[in-house]
Amino acid sequence: MALIERIQKDLTQAMMSKDELRLSVLRMVKSALKYKEIEKVRALEDAESLQVLQTLVKQRRESVEQFAKGGRQDLADKETKEIAILENYLPAAPSDSDMNAAIANKSGMPGCGSKEFATRPSEQHMSSTSHQRSSRRRSMASANAPPHNAVNASGTSCTVPNKPTIADDFVRS
């Protein structure tokens, strides 16, 4: 069952049981999912729905922290209850032992932590004079290039100075 269908089913159950807090949280979740769906102009995948839920949980955690700092423990408690409801729809987080086991399994793989991938051979043998020359070429090329026109957020045309690009490294002297 898709996440949105599960939320809709639980929403109707919360209406029947007259659970005000659960009802308001589920309405908020449904609204956030619908907003994201309209923004994407297509139906959300489960991974995208979970991302929306994680964002909502993160917002609630930040609110709890702010309410606690502000001395509003009643609101902090309400937000904590909302987090508990939202976490019912998120997958269970792996335990510390599961994470340590996964890390231990991956660290023995070839190429992990080896020095052969740390730097490219061209970087190892590059002399400081050739680096200085390429820096001068880059700055000279960008200084000599005329600025280009762009359109800003308000729709008016403006002139934008050129910035050095990777292609400037290949300018011939």
N, C-alpha and C. Protein backbone atom coordinates (compact mmCIF):
# COMPACT_ATOMS: atom_id res chain seq x y z
N MET A 1 0.85 -1.17 0.00
CA MET A 1 0.00 0.00 0.00
C MET A 1 0.90 1.24 0.00
N ALA A 2 0.58 2.17 -0.87
CA ALA A 2 1.35 3.41 -0.96
C ALA A 2 1.16 4.23 0.31
N LEU A 3 2.14 5.05 0.58
CA LEU A 3 2.15 5.84 1.81
C LEU A 3 0.94 6.78 1.87
N ILE A 4 0.61 7.42 0.78
CA ILE A 4 -0.52 8.35 0.78
C ILE A 4 -1.83 7.63 1.06
N GLU A 5 -1.96 6.40 0.55
CA GLU A 5 -3.17 5.61 0.81
C GLU A 5 -3.25 5.23 2.28
N ARG A 6 -2.12 4.87 2.85
CA ARG A 6 -2.07 4.51 4.28
C ARG A 6 -2.44 5.72 5.15
N ILE A 7 -1.94 6.88 4.77
CA ILE A 7 -2.26 8.09 5.53
C ILE A 7 -3.74 8.41 5.41
N GLN A 8 -4.31 8.25 4.22
CA GLN A 8 -5.74 8.51 4.03
C GLN A 8 -6.58 7.55 4.87
N LYS A 9 -6.19 6.30 4.91
CA LYS A 9 -6.92 5.30 5.71
C LYS A 9 -6.83 5.64 7.21
N ASP A 10 -5.63 6.02 7.66
CA ASP A 10 -5.47 6.38 9.07
C ASP A 10 -6.18 7.68 9.40
N LEU A 11 -6.30 8.57 8.42
CA LEU A 11 -7.01 9.82 8.61
C LEU A 11 -8.49 9.56 8.89
N THR A 12 -9.08 8.67 8.14
CA THR A 12 -10.50 8.35 8.37
C THR A 12 -10.68 7.65 9.71
N GLN A 13 -9.73 6.81 10.12
CA GLN A 13 -9.81 6.17 11.43
C GLN A 13 -9.70 7.20 12.55
N ALA A 14 -8.82 8.20 12.36
CA ALA A 14 -8.67 9.25 13.37
C ALA A 14 -9.94 10.09 13.46
N MET A 15 -10.62 10.29 12.34
CA MET A 15 -11.90 11.02 12.36
C MET A 15 -12.94 10.25 13.15
N MET A 16 -13.00 8.94 12.90
CA MET A 16 -13.99 8.11 13.59
C MET A 16 -13.72 8.01 15.08
N SER A 17 -12.45 7.95 15.46
CA SER A 17 -12.10 7.82 16.88
C SER A 17 -12.00 9.19 17.56
N LYS A 18 -12.17 10.27 16.81
CA LYS A 18 -12.13 11.65 17.31
C LYS A 18 -10.83 11.96 18.04
N ASP A 19 -9.72 11.47 17.46
CA ASP A 19 -8.39 11.75 17.98
C ASP A 19 -7.91 13.05 17.32
N GLU A 20 -8.07 14.16 18.02
CA GLU A 20 -7.81 15.48 17.45
C GLU A 20 -6.35 15.68 17.02
N LEU A 21 -5.40 15.30 17.87
CA LEU A 21 -4.00 15.51 17.55
C LEU A 21 -3.60 14.69 16.33
N ARG A 22 -3.94 13.41 16.32
CA ARG A 22 -3.60 12.54 15.19
C ARG A 22 -4.27 13.05 13.92
N LEU A 23 -5.51 13.49 14.04
CA LEU A 23 -6.24 14.00 12.89
C LEU A 23 -5.55 15.23 12.31
N SER A 24 -5.14 16.17 13.16
CA SER A 24 -4.50 17.38 12.66
C SER A 24 -3.14 17.07 12.04
N VAL A 25 -2.39 16.14 12.63
CA VAL A 25 -1.08 15.77 12.08
C VAL A 25 -1.26 15.10 10.72
N LEU A 26 -2.20 14.20 10.60
CA LEU A 26 -2.41 13.51 9.33
C LEU A 26 -2.93 14.46 8.25
N ARG A 27 -3.75 15.42 8.64
CA ARG A 27 -4.19 16.43 7.67
C ARG A 27 -3.01 17.26 7.19
N MET A 28 -2.13 17.60 8.14
CA MET A 28 -0.95 18.37 7.78
C MET A 28 -0.05 17.57 6.84
N VAL A 29 0.12 16.29 7.09
CA VAL A 29 0.95 15.43 6.24
C VAL A 29 0.33 15.31 4.85
N LYS A 30 -0.95 15.09 4.82
CA LYS A 30 -1.63 14.96 3.53
C LYS A 30 -1.52 16.25 2.73
N SER A 31 -1.65 17.37 3.41
CA SER A 31 -1.52 18.67 2.74
C SER A 31 -0.10 18.87 2.20
N ALA A 32 0.91 18.52 2.99
CA ALA A 32 2.30 18.67 2.56
C ALA A 32 2.60 17.77 1.36
N LEU A 33 2.08 16.54 1.39
CA LEU A 33 2.29 15.62 0.27
C LEU A 33 1.58 16.12 -0.99
N LYS A 34 0.38 16.64 -0.83
CA LYS A 34 -0.37 17.15 -1.97
C LYS A 34 0.33 18.39 -2.56
N TYR A 35 0.84 19.24 -1.69
CA TYR A 35 1.57 20.43 -2.15
C TYR A 35 2.80 20.02 -2.96
N LYS A 36 3.53 19.04 -2.47
CA LYS A 36 4.73 18.57 -3.18
C LYS A 36 4.34 17.92 -4.51
N GLU A 37 3.23 17.22 -4.52
CA GLU A 37 2.75 16.58 -5.74
C GLU A 37 2.38 17.63 -6.79
N ILE A 38 1.75 18.69 -6.36
CA ILE A 38 1.39 19.78 -7.28
C ILE A 38 2.66 20.47 -7.78
N GLU A 39 3.62 20.65 -6.88
CA GLU A 39 4.88 21.28 -7.25
C GLU A 39 5.63 20.46 -8.31
N LYS A 40 5.60 19.12 -8.17
CA LYS A 40 6.31 18.24 -9.11
C LYS A 40 5.49 17.98 -10.37
N VAL A 41 4.21 18.27 -10.38
CA VAL A 41 3.28 18.07 -11.49
C VAL A 41 3.20 16.58 -11.86
N ARG A 42 3.28 15.73 -10.88
CA ARG A 42 3.12 14.29 -11.09
C ARG A 42 2.91 13.64 -9.73
N ALA A 43 2.51 12.39 -9.74
CA ALA A 43 2.34 11.66 -8.49
C ALA A 43 3.70 11.41 -7.85
N LEU A 44 3.75 11.50 -6.53
CA LEU A 44 5.01 11.29 -5.81
C LEU A 44 5.32 9.81 -5.70
N GLU A 45 6.60 9.51 -5.77
CA GLU A 45 7.06 8.15 -5.49
C GLU A 45 7.18 8.02 -3.98
N ASP A 46 7.27 6.78 -3.50
CA ASP A 46 7.36 6.57 -2.05
C ASP A 46 8.60 7.23 -1.45
N ALA A 47 9.71 7.21 -2.18
CA ALA A 47 10.93 7.84 -1.66
C ALA A 47 10.74 9.34 -1.49
N GLU A 48 10.05 9.97 -2.41
CA GLU A 48 9.78 11.40 -2.31
C GLU A 48 8.82 11.70 -1.16
N SER A 49 7.84 10.82 -0.97
CA SER A 49 6.92 10.99 0.15
C SER A 49 7.64 10.86 1.47
N LEU A 50 8.56 9.91 1.56
CA LEU A 50 9.33 9.75 2.79
C LEU A 50 10.21 10.96 3.04
N GLN A 51 10.73 11.55 1.98
CA GLN A 51 11.55 12.75 2.13
C GLN A 51 10.71 13.90 2.70
N VAL A 52 9.48 14.04 2.25
CA VAL A 52 8.59 15.07 2.79
C VAL A 52 8.34 14.81 4.27
N LEU A 53 8.11 13.55 4.63
CA LEU A 53 7.89 13.21 6.04
C LEU A 53 9.12 13.52 6.88
N GLN A 54 10.30 13.21 6.36
CA GLN A 54 11.52 13.50 7.10
C GLN A 54 11.69 15.00 7.30
N THR A 55 11.31 15.78 6.32
CA THR A 55 11.37 17.24 6.45
C THR A 55 10.43 17.71 7.54
N LEU A 56 9.24 17.14 7.58
CA LEU A 56 8.27 17.52 8.61
C LEU A 56 8.78 17.16 10.01
N VAL A 57 9.40 16.00 10.14
CA VAL A 57 9.95 15.59 11.43
C VAL A 57 11.07 16.54 11.84
N LYS A 58 11.91 16.90 10.89
CA LYS A 58 13.02 17.81 11.18
C LYS A 58 12.48 19.16 11.64
N GLN A 59 11.44 19.66 10.99
CA GLN A 59 10.83 20.93 11.38
C GLN A 59 10.29 20.84 12.80
N ARG A 60 9.65 19.73 13.12
CA ARG A 60 9.09 19.56 14.47
C ARG A 60 10.19 19.51 15.52
N ARG A 61 11.30 18.84 15.20
CA ARG A 61 12.42 18.77 16.17
C ARG A 61 13.00 20.15 16.43
N GLU A 62 13.13 20.94 15.38
CA GLU A 62 13.63 22.30 15.55
C GLU A 62 12.65 23.13 16.38
N SER A 63 11.35 22.91 16.17
CA SER A 63 10.34 23.63 16.94
C SER A 63 10.40 23.25 18.41
N VAL A 64 10.60 21.96 18.69
CA VAL A 64 10.70 21.51 20.08
C VAL A 64 11.86 22.22 20.76
N GLU A 65 12.98 22.30 20.06
CA GLU A 65 14.16 22.97 20.62
C GLU A 65 13.87 24.44 20.91
N GLN A 66 13.23 25.12 19.97
CA GLN A 66 12.92 26.54 20.15
C GLN A 66 11.90 26.76 21.26
N PHE A 67 10.89 25.92 21.32
CA PHE A 67 9.89 26.05 22.38
C PHE A 67 10.49 25.80 23.75
N ALA A 68 11.40 24.84 23.82
CA ALA A 68 12.07 24.55 25.10
C ALA A 68 12.92 25.74 25.53
N LYS A 69 13.62 26.34 24.59
CA LYS A 69 14.43 27.53 24.91
C LYS A 69 13.55 28.70 25.34
N GLY A 70 12.38 28.81 24.74
CA GLY A 70 11.47 29.91 25.04
C GLY A 70 10.61 29.68 26.26
N GLY A 71 10.77 28.52 26.90
CA GLY A 71 9.99 28.24 28.11
C GLY A 71 8.55 27.82 27.84
N ARG A 72 8.26 27.36 26.65
CA ARG A 72 6.91 26.90 26.31
C ARG A 72 6.88 25.38 26.26
N GLN A 73 6.95 24.75 27.40
CA GLN A 73 7.01 23.30 27.49
C GLN A 73 5.73 22.64 26.95
N ASP A 74 4.59 23.31 27.10
CA ASP A 74 3.34 22.75 26.59
C ASP A 74 3.38 22.57 25.08
N LEU A 75 3.91 23.59 24.38
CA LEU A 75 4.03 23.49 22.92
C LEU A 75 5.11 22.50 22.52
N ALA A 76 6.19 22.43 23.30
CA ALA A 76 7.25 21.46 23.02
C ALA A 76 6.71 20.03 23.15
N ASP A 77 5.87 19.80 24.16
CA ASP A 77 5.26 18.48 24.34
C ASP A 77 4.34 18.13 23.18
N LYS A 78 3.58 19.10 22.72
CA LYS A 78 2.67 18.88 21.58
C LYS A 78 3.47 18.50 20.34
N GLU A 79 4.56 19.22 20.08
CA GLU A 79 5.40 18.93 18.92
C GLU A 79 6.05 17.55 19.06
N THR A 80 6.43 17.16 20.26
CA THR A 80 7.02 15.85 20.49
C THR A 80 6.01 14.74 20.18
N LYS A 81 4.76 14.97 20.55
CA LYS A 81 3.71 13.99 20.23
C LYS A 81 3.49 13.91 18.71
N GLU A 82 3.58 15.05 18.05
CA GLU A 82 3.44 15.05 16.59
C GLU A 82 4.58 14.28 15.94
N ILE A 83 5.79 14.44 16.47
CA ILE A 83 6.94 13.68 15.95
C ILE A 83 6.69 12.19 16.08
N ALA A 84 6.15 11.76 17.21
CA ALA A 84 5.87 10.33 17.42
C ALA A 84 4.88 9.82 16.38
N ILE A 85 3.88 10.62 16.06
CA ILE A 85 2.89 10.20 15.05
C ILE A 85 3.54 10.13 13.67
N LEU A 86 4.35 11.13 13.34
CA LEU A 86 5.01 11.15 12.03
C LEU A 86 5.99 9.99 11.87
N GLU A 87 6.69 9.64 12.95
CA GLU A 87 7.67 8.57 12.87
C GLU A 87 7.05 7.20 12.63
N ASN A 88 5.75 7.06 12.87
CA ASN A 88 5.06 5.80 12.56
C ASN A 88 5.07 5.51 11.06
N TYR A 89 5.20 6.56 10.25
CA TYR A 89 5.16 6.40 8.80
C TYR A 89 6.55 6.34 8.16
N LEU A 90 7.58 6.56 8.96
CA LEU A 90 8.95 6.46 8.46
C LEU A 90 9.49 5.06 8.71
N PRO A 91 10.39 4.58 7.85
CA PRO A 91 10.99 3.27 8.10
C PRO A 91 11.87 3.33 9.35
N ALA A 92 12.02 2.18 9.99
CA ALA A 92 12.84 2.12 11.21
C ALA A 92 14.29 2.42 10.88
N ALA A 93 14.92 3.22 11.71
CA ALA A 93 16.33 3.57 11.52
C ALA A 93 17.18 2.38 11.96
N PRO A 94 18.30 2.13 11.27
CA PRO A 94 19.16 1.01 11.67
C PRO A 94 19.80 1.29 13.03
N SER A 95 20.01 0.23 13.79
CA SER A 95 20.63 0.38 15.10
C SER A 95 22.13 0.61 14.94
N ASP A 96 22.79 1.00 16.03
CA ASP A 96 24.23 1.24 15.99
C ASP A 96 24.99 -0.03 15.62
N SER A 97 24.54 -1.18 16.13
CA SER A 97 25.23 -2.43 15.82
C SER A 97 25.10 -2.77 14.33
N ASP A 98 23.93 -2.48 13.74
CA ASP A 98 23.74 -2.71 12.30
C ASP A 98 24.67 -1.81 11.48
N MET A 99 24.79 -0.56 11.90
CA MET A 99 25.66 0.38 11.19
C MET A 99 27.12 -0.05 11.30
N ASN A 100 27.55 -0.45 12.49
CA ASN A 100 28.94 -0.88 12.68
C ASN A 100 29.25 -2.12 11.85
N ALA A 101 28.28 -3.05 11.77
CA ALA A 101 28.48 -4.26 10.98
C ALA A 101 28.60 -3.92 9.50
N ALA A 102 27.77 -3.00 9.02
CA ALA A 102 27.82 -2.60 7.61
C ALA A 102 29.14 -1.91 7.28
N ILE A 103 29.62 -1.10 8.19
CA ILE A 103 30.90 -0.41 7.97
C ILE A 103 32.04 -1.41 7.96
N ALA A 104 31.99 -2.38 8.87
CA ALA A 104 33.05 -3.39 8.93
C ALA A 104 33.07 -4.22 7.65
N ASN A 105 31.92 -4.53 7.08
CA ASN A 105 31.86 -5.30 5.84
C ASN A 105 32.41 -4.52 4.66
N LYS A 106 32.19 -3.22 4.61
CA LYS A 106 32.62 -2.40 3.47
C LYS A 106 34.09 -2.01 3.55
N SER A 107 34.66 -1.93 4.74
CA SER A 107 36.04 -1.45 4.86
C SER A 107 37.05 -2.44 4.29
N GLY A 108 36.69 -3.71 4.15
CA GLY A 108 37.61 -4.69 3.60
C GLY A 108 37.59 -4.76 2.09
N MET A 109 36.78 -3.96 1.44
CA MET A 109 36.68 -3.99 -0.02
C MET A 109 37.93 -3.39 -0.65
N PRO A 110 38.35 -3.90 -1.81
CA PRO A 110 39.53 -3.35 -2.47
C PRO A 110 39.27 -1.92 -2.93
N GLY A 111 40.28 -1.09 -2.79
CA GLY A 111 40.17 0.29 -3.22
C GLY A 111 39.75 1.24 -2.13
N CYS A 112 39.20 0.73 -1.04
CA CYS A 112 38.77 1.60 0.05
C CYS A 112 39.98 2.04 0.85
N GLY A 113 40.22 3.30 0.89
CA GLY A 113 41.31 3.83 1.68
C GLY A 113 42.67 3.69 1.02
N SER A 114 42.74 3.19 -0.20
CA SER A 114 44.04 3.03 -0.84
C SER A 114 44.52 4.37 -1.36
N LYS A 115 45.81 4.52 -1.45
CA LYS A 115 46.39 5.79 -1.85
C LYS A 115 46.36 5.99 -3.36
N GLU A 116 46.10 4.94 -4.11
CA GLU A 116 46.14 5.06 -5.56
C GLU A 116 45.06 5.99 -6.09
N PHE A 117 43.98 6.19 -5.35
CA PHE A 117 42.91 7.06 -5.81
C PHE A 117 42.96 8.43 -5.14
N ALA A 118 43.92 8.66 -4.29
CA ALA A 118 43.98 9.91 -3.54
C ALA A 118 44.29 11.10 -4.45
N THR A 119 45.25 10.94 -5.35
CA THR A 119 45.59 12.03 -6.27
C THR A 119 45.76 11.47 -7.67
N ARG A 120 45.56 12.31 -8.63
CA ARG A 120 45.77 11.90 -10.01
C ARG A 120 47.26 12.00 -10.33
N PRO A 121 47.77 11.16 -11.22
CA PRO A 121 49.19 11.22 -11.56
C PRO A 121 49.60 12.59 -12.09
N SER A 122 48.74 13.25 -12.82
CA SER A 122 49.10 14.57 -13.36
C SER A 122 49.30 15.58 -12.24
N GLU A 123 48.58 15.43 -11.14
CA GLU A 123 48.74 16.35 -10.03
C GLU A 123 50.02 16.06 -9.25
N GLN A 124 50.44 14.80 -9.25
CA GLN A 124 51.64 14.45 -8.50
C GLN A 124 52.89 15.05 -9.12
N HIS A 125 52.93 15.17 -10.45
CA HIS A 125 54.14 15.62 -11.14
C HIS A 125 54.05 17.05 -11.66
N MET A 126 53.00 17.74 -11.32
CA MET A 126 52.82 19.09 -11.82
C MET A 126 53.78 20.04 -11.08
N SER A 127 54.57 20.76 -11.83
CA SER A 127 55.53 21.68 -11.20
C SER A 127 54.83 22.98 -10.84
N SER A 128 55.41 23.71 -9.94
CA SER A 128 54.79 24.96 -9.51
C SER A 128 54.83 26.00 -10.62
N THR A 129 55.83 25.98 -11.50
CA THR A 129 55.89 26.96 -12.58
C THR A 129 54.80 26.74 -13.60
N SER A 130 54.50 25.48 -13.91
CA SER A 130 53.42 25.24 -14.87
C SER A 130 52.08 25.62 -14.26
N HIS A 131 51.94 25.44 -12.96
CA HIS A 131 50.72 25.84 -12.28
C HIS A 131 50.57 27.36 -12.32
N GLN A 132 51.66 28.07 -12.11
CA GLN A 132 51.62 29.53 -12.15
C GLN A 132 51.27 30.02 -13.55
N ARG A 133 51.83 29.36 -14.59
CA ARG A 133 51.52 29.76 -15.96
C ARG A 133 50.04 29.57 -16.26
N SER A 134 49.48 28.44 -15.85
CA SER A 134 48.06 28.21 -16.13
C SER A 134 47.19 29.21 -15.38
N SER A 135 47.61 29.62 -14.18
CA SER A 135 46.85 30.61 -13.42
C SER A 135 46.87 31.96 -14.14
N ARG A 136 48.06 32.33 -14.68
CA ARG A 136 48.16 33.59 -15.42
C ARG A 136 47.29 33.55 -16.66
N ARG A 137 47.33 32.43 -17.38
CA ARG A 137 46.51 32.31 -18.60
C ARG A 137 45.03 32.46 -18.27
N ARG A 138 44.61 31.82 -17.19
CA ARG A 138 43.21 31.87 -16.79
C ARG A 138 42.82 33.30 -16.47
N SER A 139 43.64 34.01 -15.70
CA SER A 139 43.28 35.38 -15.32
C SER A 139 43.33 36.31 -16.53
N MET A 140 44.29 36.12 -17.45
CA MET A 140 44.38 36.96 -18.63
C MET A 140 43.20 36.71 -19.56
N ALA A 141 42.82 35.45 -19.72
CA ALA A 141 41.71 35.13 -20.63
C ALA A 141 40.41 35.71 -20.11
N SER A 142 40.18 35.62 -18.83
CA SER A 142 38.92 36.13 -18.30
C SER A 142 38.92 37.65 -18.26
N ALA A 143 40.10 38.26 -18.11
CA ALA A 143 40.17 39.72 -18.08
C ALA A 143 39.94 40.30 -19.48
N ASN A 144 40.38 39.60 -20.52
CA ASN A 144 40.26 40.11 -21.88
C ASN A 144 38.90 39.83 -22.49
N ALA A 145 38.14 38.91 -21.94
CA ALA A 145 36.86 38.56 -22.53
C ALA A 145 35.82 39.63 -22.18
N PRO A 146 34.98 39.96 -23.14
CA PRO A 146 33.96 40.97 -22.85
C PRO A 146 32.88 40.38 -21.93
N PRO A 147 32.27 41.20 -21.10
CA PRO A 147 31.19 40.69 -20.25
C PRO A 147 30.00 40.30 -21.11
N HIS A 148 29.17 39.42 -20.59
CA HIS A 148 28.00 38.98 -21.35
C HIS A 148 26.74 39.50 -20.69
N ASN A 149 25.68 39.55 -21.47
CA ASN A 149 24.40 40.05 -20.97
C ASN A 149 23.60 38.91 -20.40
N ALA A 150 22.82 39.22 -19.38
CA ALA A 150 21.95 38.23 -18.75
C ALA A 150 20.66 38.92 -18.36
N VAL A 151 19.68 38.11 -18.01
CA VAL A 151 18.40 38.64 -17.55
C VAL A 151 18.26 38.26 -16.09
N ASN A 152 18.02 39.25 -15.22
CA ASN A 152 17.89 38.94 -13.80
C ASN A 152 16.48 38.50 -13.47
N ALA A 153 16.21 38.26 -12.18
CA ALA A 153 14.92 37.71 -11.74
C ALA A 153 13.75 38.63 -12.07
N SER A 154 13.97 39.94 -12.10
CA SER A 154 12.86 40.86 -12.39
C SER A 154 12.61 41.00 -13.88
N GLY A 155 13.44 40.37 -14.73
CA GLY A 155 13.22 40.39 -16.16
C GLY A 155 13.97 41.47 -16.89
N THR A 156 14.76 42.26 -16.17
CA THR A 156 15.52 43.30 -16.84
C THR A 156 16.89 42.78 -17.25
N SER A 157 17.43 43.37 -18.29
CA SER A 157 18.74 42.94 -18.80
C SER A 157 19.84 43.59 -17.97
N CYS A 158 20.89 42.82 -17.70
CA CYS A 158 22.01 43.36 -16.95
C CYS A 158 23.30 42.75 -17.49
N THR A 159 24.42 43.37 -17.20
CA THR A 159 25.72 42.91 -17.66
C THR A 159 26.38 42.12 -16.54
N VAL A 160 26.87 40.94 -16.85
CA VAL A 160 27.49 40.06 -15.87
C VAL A 160 28.96 39.91 -16.23
N PRO A 161 29.88 40.17 -15.29
CA PRO A 161 31.30 39.99 -15.60
C PRO A 161 31.61 38.50 -15.79
N ASN A 162 32.59 38.22 -16.61
CA ASN A 162 32.97 36.83 -16.86
C ASN A 162 33.73 36.27 -15.67
N LYS A 163 33.49 35.02 -15.38
CA LYS A 163 34.22 34.31 -14.33
C LYS A 163 35.12 33.28 -14.99
N PRO A 164 36.27 33.00 -14.40
CA PRO A 164 37.14 31.97 -14.99
C PRO A 164 36.43 30.62 -14.99
N THR A 165 36.60 29.89 -16.06
CA THR A 165 36.00 28.57 -16.17
C THR A 165 37.08 27.53 -16.38
N ILE A 166 36.69 26.30 -16.38
CA ILE A 166 37.63 25.21 -16.63
C ILE A 166 38.22 25.33 -18.03
N ALA A 167 37.42 25.80 -18.96
CA ALA A 167 37.89 25.94 -20.33
C ALA A 167 39.02 26.96 -20.42
N ASP A 168 39.08 27.91 -19.49
CA ASP A 168 40.15 28.90 -19.50
C ASP A 168 41.51 28.26 -19.25
N ASP A 169 41.54 27.09 -18.64
CA ASP A 169 42.81 26.39 -18.42
C ASP A 169 43.46 25.98 -19.75
N PHE A 170 42.65 25.83 -20.78
CA PHE A 170 43.15 25.33 -22.06
C PHE A 170 43.42 26.44 -23.06
N VAL A 171 43.44 27.69 -22.61
CA VAL A 171 43.75 28.80 -23.50
C VAL A 171 45.20 28.74 -23.88
N ARG A 172 45.47 28.86 -25.15
CA ARG A 172 46.86 28.80 -25.63
C ARG A 172 47.52 30.15 -25.44
N SER A 173 48.80 30.13 -25.14
CA SER A 173 49.52 31.41 -24.95
C SER A 173 50.04 31.94 -26.26
